[in-house]
Amino acid sequence: MIADRLSGWTLGGALTGIGLLFAAAFHDRYWRWLDCFNELGRCYDPVSQNVYLEQAGAVWGGLAAIFLLLGIGLLCRK
């Protein structure tokens, strides 16, 4: 009984933590560059010489939403 509750809390916390990491990646790879994307969906940063893709928003944002919803759902259920 206690082991089930502890594993639920642990799994919920881990999924929420992973979701927060994906949310940080979403912010770093997409949200910061939202105004920079051209008609091809690319943004070039001359300082770091990185090319950011607009499709990264859907990938990182989707992963963040899935893991956060799963993790928070487990934590609320427990």
N, C-alpha and C. Protein backbone atom coordinates (compact mmCIF):
# COMPACT_ATOMS: atom_id res chain seq x y z
N MET A 1 0.82 -1.19 0.00
CA MET A 1 0.00 0.00 0.00
C MET A 1 0.87 1.26 0.00
N ILE A 2 1.77 1.34 0.95
CA ILE A 2 2.65 2.51 1.02
C ILE A 2 3.61 2.53 -0.15
N ALA A 3 4.08 1.34 -0.56
CA ALA A 3 4.99 1.27 -1.71
C ALA A 3 4.30 1.73 -2.98
N ASP A 4 3.01 1.42 -3.14
CA ASP A 4 2.26 1.88 -4.31
C ASP A 4 2.11 3.39 -4.31
N ARG A 5 1.83 3.96 -3.15
CA ARG A 5 1.69 5.41 -3.06
C ARG A 5 3.02 6.10 -3.32
N LEU A 6 4.09 5.53 -2.76
CA LEU A 6 5.41 6.12 -2.95
C LEU A 6 5.84 6.03 -4.41
N SER A 7 5.58 4.90 -5.06
CA SER A 7 5.95 4.78 -6.47
C SER A 7 5.11 5.71 -7.34
N GLY A 8 3.85 5.92 -6.97
CA GLY A 8 3.00 6.87 -7.71
C GLY A 8 3.51 8.29 -7.58
N TRP A 9 3.90 8.67 -6.38
CA TRP A 9 4.46 10.01 -6.17
C TRP A 9 5.78 10.16 -6.92
N THR A 10 6.60 9.11 -6.88
CA THR A 10 7.89 9.17 -7.55
C THR A 10 7.71 9.28 -9.06
N LEU A 11 6.84 8.45 -9.61
CA LEU A 11 6.59 8.49 -11.05
C LEU A 11 5.97 9.82 -11.46
N GLY A 12 5.02 10.30 -10.68
CA GLY A 12 4.40 11.59 -10.98
C GLY A 12 5.39 12.73 -10.92
N GLY A 13 6.26 12.71 -9.92
CA GLY A 13 7.29 13.74 -9.82
C GLY A 13 8.30 13.67 -10.95
N ALA A 14 8.67 12.44 -11.33
CA ALA A 14 9.62 12.28 -12.43
C ALA A 14 9.02 12.76 -13.75
N LEU A 15 7.77 12.40 -14.01
CA LEU A 15 7.14 12.84 -15.26
C LEU A 15 6.97 14.36 -15.29
N THR A 16 6.63 14.94 -14.16
CA THR A 16 6.50 16.40 -14.09
C THR A 16 7.86 17.06 -14.30
N GLY A 17 8.91 16.50 -13.72
CA GLY A 17 10.25 17.04 -13.91
C GLY A 17 10.69 16.97 -15.37
N ILE A 18 10.42 15.85 -16.02
CA ILE A 18 10.76 15.71 -17.43
C ILE A 18 9.95 16.71 -18.26
N GLY A 19 8.69 16.89 -17.90
CA GLY A 19 7.86 17.88 -18.58
C GLY A 19 8.41 19.29 -18.43
N LEU A 20 8.93 19.61 -17.25
CA LEU A 20 9.53 20.92 -17.04
C LEU A 20 10.80 21.09 -17.87
N LEU A 21 11.58 20.02 -18.02
CA LEU A 21 12.77 20.09 -18.87
C LEU A 21 12.37 20.33 -20.33
N PHE A 22 11.33 19.65 -20.79
CA PHE A 22 10.86 19.87 -22.16
C PHE A 22 10.29 21.28 -22.31
N ALA A 23 9.64 21.81 -21.28
CA ALA A 23 9.14 23.18 -21.33
C ALA A 23 10.29 24.18 -21.42
N ALA A 24 11.39 23.90 -20.72
CA ALA A 24 12.57 24.77 -20.82
C ALA A 24 13.17 24.70 -22.22
N ALA A 25 13.19 23.51 -22.82
CA ALA A 25 13.68 23.37 -24.18
C ALA A 25 12.77 24.11 -25.16
N PHE A 26 11.44 24.04 -24.94
CA PHE A 26 10.48 24.78 -25.76
C PHE A 26 10.76 26.28 -25.70
N HIS A 27 11.01 26.77 -24.51
CA HIS A 27 11.30 28.20 -24.35
C HIS A 27 12.60 28.57 -25.04
N ASP A 28 13.63 27.75 -24.86
CA ASP A 28 14.95 28.07 -25.40
C ASP A 28 15.02 27.92 -26.91
N ARG A 29 14.35 26.91 -27.47
CA ARG A 29 14.48 26.61 -28.90
C ARG A 29 13.40 27.26 -29.76
N TYR A 30 12.30 27.74 -29.14
CA TYR A 30 11.22 28.31 -29.94
C TYR A 30 10.72 29.66 -29.43
N TRP A 31 10.28 29.72 -28.21
CA TRP A 31 9.57 30.90 -27.70
C TRP A 31 10.42 32.16 -27.74
N ARG A 32 11.71 32.04 -27.43
CA ARG A 32 12.60 33.20 -27.44
C ARG A 32 12.76 33.78 -28.83
N TRP A 33 12.60 32.96 -29.85
CA TRP A 33 12.86 33.37 -31.23
C TRP A 33 11.57 33.55 -32.02
N LEU A 34 10.46 33.69 -31.36
CA LEU A 34 9.16 33.73 -32.01
C LEU A 34 9.04 34.84 -33.06
N ASP A 35 9.63 35.99 -32.79
CA ASP A 35 9.54 37.13 -33.72
C ASP A 35 10.57 37.07 -34.84
N CYS A 36 11.47 36.13 -34.79
CA CYS A 36 12.60 36.09 -35.73
C CYS A 36 12.35 35.18 -36.93
N PHE A 37 11.38 34.28 -36.87
CA PHE A 37 11.20 33.29 -37.93
C PHE A 37 10.78 33.95 -39.24
N ASN A 38 11.40 33.49 -40.33
CA ASN A 38 11.05 34.02 -41.65
C ASN A 38 9.96 33.17 -42.29
N GLU A 39 9.69 33.40 -43.57
CA GLU A 39 8.61 32.68 -44.24
C GLU A 39 8.92 31.19 -44.43
N LEU A 40 10.19 30.80 -44.31
CA LEU A 40 10.57 29.39 -44.41
C LEU A 40 10.55 28.69 -43.05
N GLY A 41 10.26 29.44 -41.98
CA GLY A 41 10.20 28.86 -40.64
C GLY A 41 11.56 28.69 -40.00
N ARG A 42 12.49 29.56 -40.39
CA ARG A 42 13.85 29.48 -39.84
C ARG A 42 14.25 30.81 -39.24
N CYS A 43 15.11 30.73 -38.25
CA CYS A 43 15.66 31.93 -37.62
C CYS A 43 17.16 31.72 -37.41
N TYR A 44 17.96 32.63 -37.93
CA TYR A 44 19.41 32.53 -37.78
C TYR A 44 19.87 33.50 -36.70
N ASP A 45 20.61 32.98 -35.72
CA ASP A 45 21.17 33.81 -34.67
C ASP A 45 22.65 34.04 -35.00
N PRO A 46 23.03 35.26 -35.38
CA PRO A 46 24.43 35.50 -35.78
C PRO A 46 25.41 35.41 -34.61
N VAL A 47 24.94 35.60 -33.39
CA VAL A 47 25.85 35.54 -32.25
C VAL A 47 26.30 34.11 -31.99
N SER A 48 25.35 33.19 -31.87
CA SER A 48 25.70 31.79 -31.60
C SER A 48 25.83 30.97 -32.88
N GLN A 49 25.47 31.56 -34.01
CA GLN A 49 25.50 30.90 -35.32
C GLN A 49 24.64 29.64 -35.35
N ASN A 50 23.51 29.68 -34.66
CA ASN A 50 22.53 28.59 -34.67
C ASN A 50 21.36 28.95 -35.57
N VAL A 51 20.78 27.93 -36.17
CA VAL A 51 19.55 28.09 -36.94
C VAL A 51 18.44 27.42 -36.14
N TYR A 52 17.42 28.19 -35.81
CA TYR A 52 16.28 27.67 -35.05
C TYR A 52 15.13 27.42 -36.01
N LEU A 53 14.45 26.30 -35.84
CA LEU A 53 13.35 25.93 -36.71
C LEU A 53 12.02 26.13 -36.02
N GLU A 54 11.04 26.60 -36.79
CA GLU A 54 9.72 26.84 -36.23
C GLU A 54 9.03 25.54 -35.82
N GLN A 55 9.36 24.43 -36.47
CA GLN A 55 8.76 23.14 -36.15
C GLN A 55 9.16 22.67 -34.75
N ALA A 56 10.24 23.21 -34.21
CA ALA A 56 10.68 22.83 -32.87
C ALA A 56 9.63 23.19 -31.83
N GLY A 57 8.84 24.21 -32.09
CA GLY A 57 7.79 24.60 -31.15
C GLY A 57 6.76 23.51 -30.96
N ALA A 58 6.36 22.89 -32.05
CA ALA A 58 5.37 21.81 -31.96
C ALA A 58 5.95 20.59 -31.26
N VAL A 59 7.19 20.28 -31.54
CA VAL A 59 7.81 19.09 -30.93
C VAL A 59 8.03 19.29 -29.44
N TRP A 60 8.76 20.33 -29.07
CA TRP A 60 9.06 20.54 -27.65
C TRP A 60 7.83 20.90 -26.86
N GLY A 61 6.93 21.70 -27.43
CA GLY A 61 5.70 22.07 -26.75
C GLY A 61 4.78 20.88 -26.55
N GLY A 62 4.69 20.02 -27.55
CA GLY A 62 3.86 18.82 -27.44
C GLY A 62 4.38 17.86 -26.39
N LEU A 63 5.70 17.64 -26.40
CA LEU A 63 6.29 16.76 -25.40
C LEU A 63 6.12 17.32 -23.99
N ALA A 64 6.30 18.63 -23.84
CA ALA A 64 6.13 19.26 -22.53
C ALA A 64 4.70 19.10 -22.04
N ALA A 65 3.73 19.33 -22.92
CA ALA A 65 2.33 19.22 -22.53
C ALA A 65 1.97 17.79 -22.13
N ILE A 66 2.42 16.82 -22.90
CA ILE A 66 2.11 15.42 -22.60
C ILE A 66 2.67 15.01 -21.24
N PHE A 67 3.96 15.28 -21.02
CA PHE A 67 4.59 14.84 -19.78
C PHE A 67 4.07 15.61 -18.58
N LEU A 68 3.80 16.91 -18.74
CA LEU A 68 3.25 17.67 -17.62
C LEU A 68 1.84 17.19 -17.27
N LEU A 69 1.02 16.93 -18.27
CA LEU A 69 -0.33 16.44 -17.99
C LEU A 69 -0.31 15.07 -17.32
N LEU A 70 0.55 14.18 -17.80
CA LEU A 70 0.66 12.86 -17.16
C LEU A 70 1.16 12.97 -15.73
N GLY A 71 2.22 13.76 -15.53
CA GLY A 71 2.80 13.89 -14.19
C GLY A 71 1.85 14.56 -13.21
N ILE A 72 1.23 15.64 -13.62
CA ILE A 72 0.32 16.35 -12.71
C ILE A 72 -0.93 15.50 -12.47
N GLY A 73 -1.36 14.77 -13.50
CA GLY A 73 -2.50 13.87 -13.32
C GLY A 73 -2.22 12.79 -12.30
N LEU A 74 -1.03 12.21 -12.35
CA LEU A 74 -0.65 11.20 -11.35
C LEU A 74 -0.54 11.80 -9.95
N LEU A 75 0.04 12.99 -9.86
CA LEU A 75 0.18 13.61 -8.55
C LEU A 75 -1.18 13.99 -7.95
N CYS A 76 -2.08 14.46 -8.78
CA CYS A 76 -3.41 14.83 -8.27
C CYS A 76 -4.23 13.61 -7.89
N ARG A 77 -4.04 12.52 -8.62
CA ARG A 77 -4.78 11.30 -8.32
C ARG A 77 -4.30 10.66 -7.01
N LYS A 78 -3.04 10.79 -6.73
CA LYS A 78 -2.49 10.20 -5.50
C LYS A 78 -2.81 11.12 -4.36
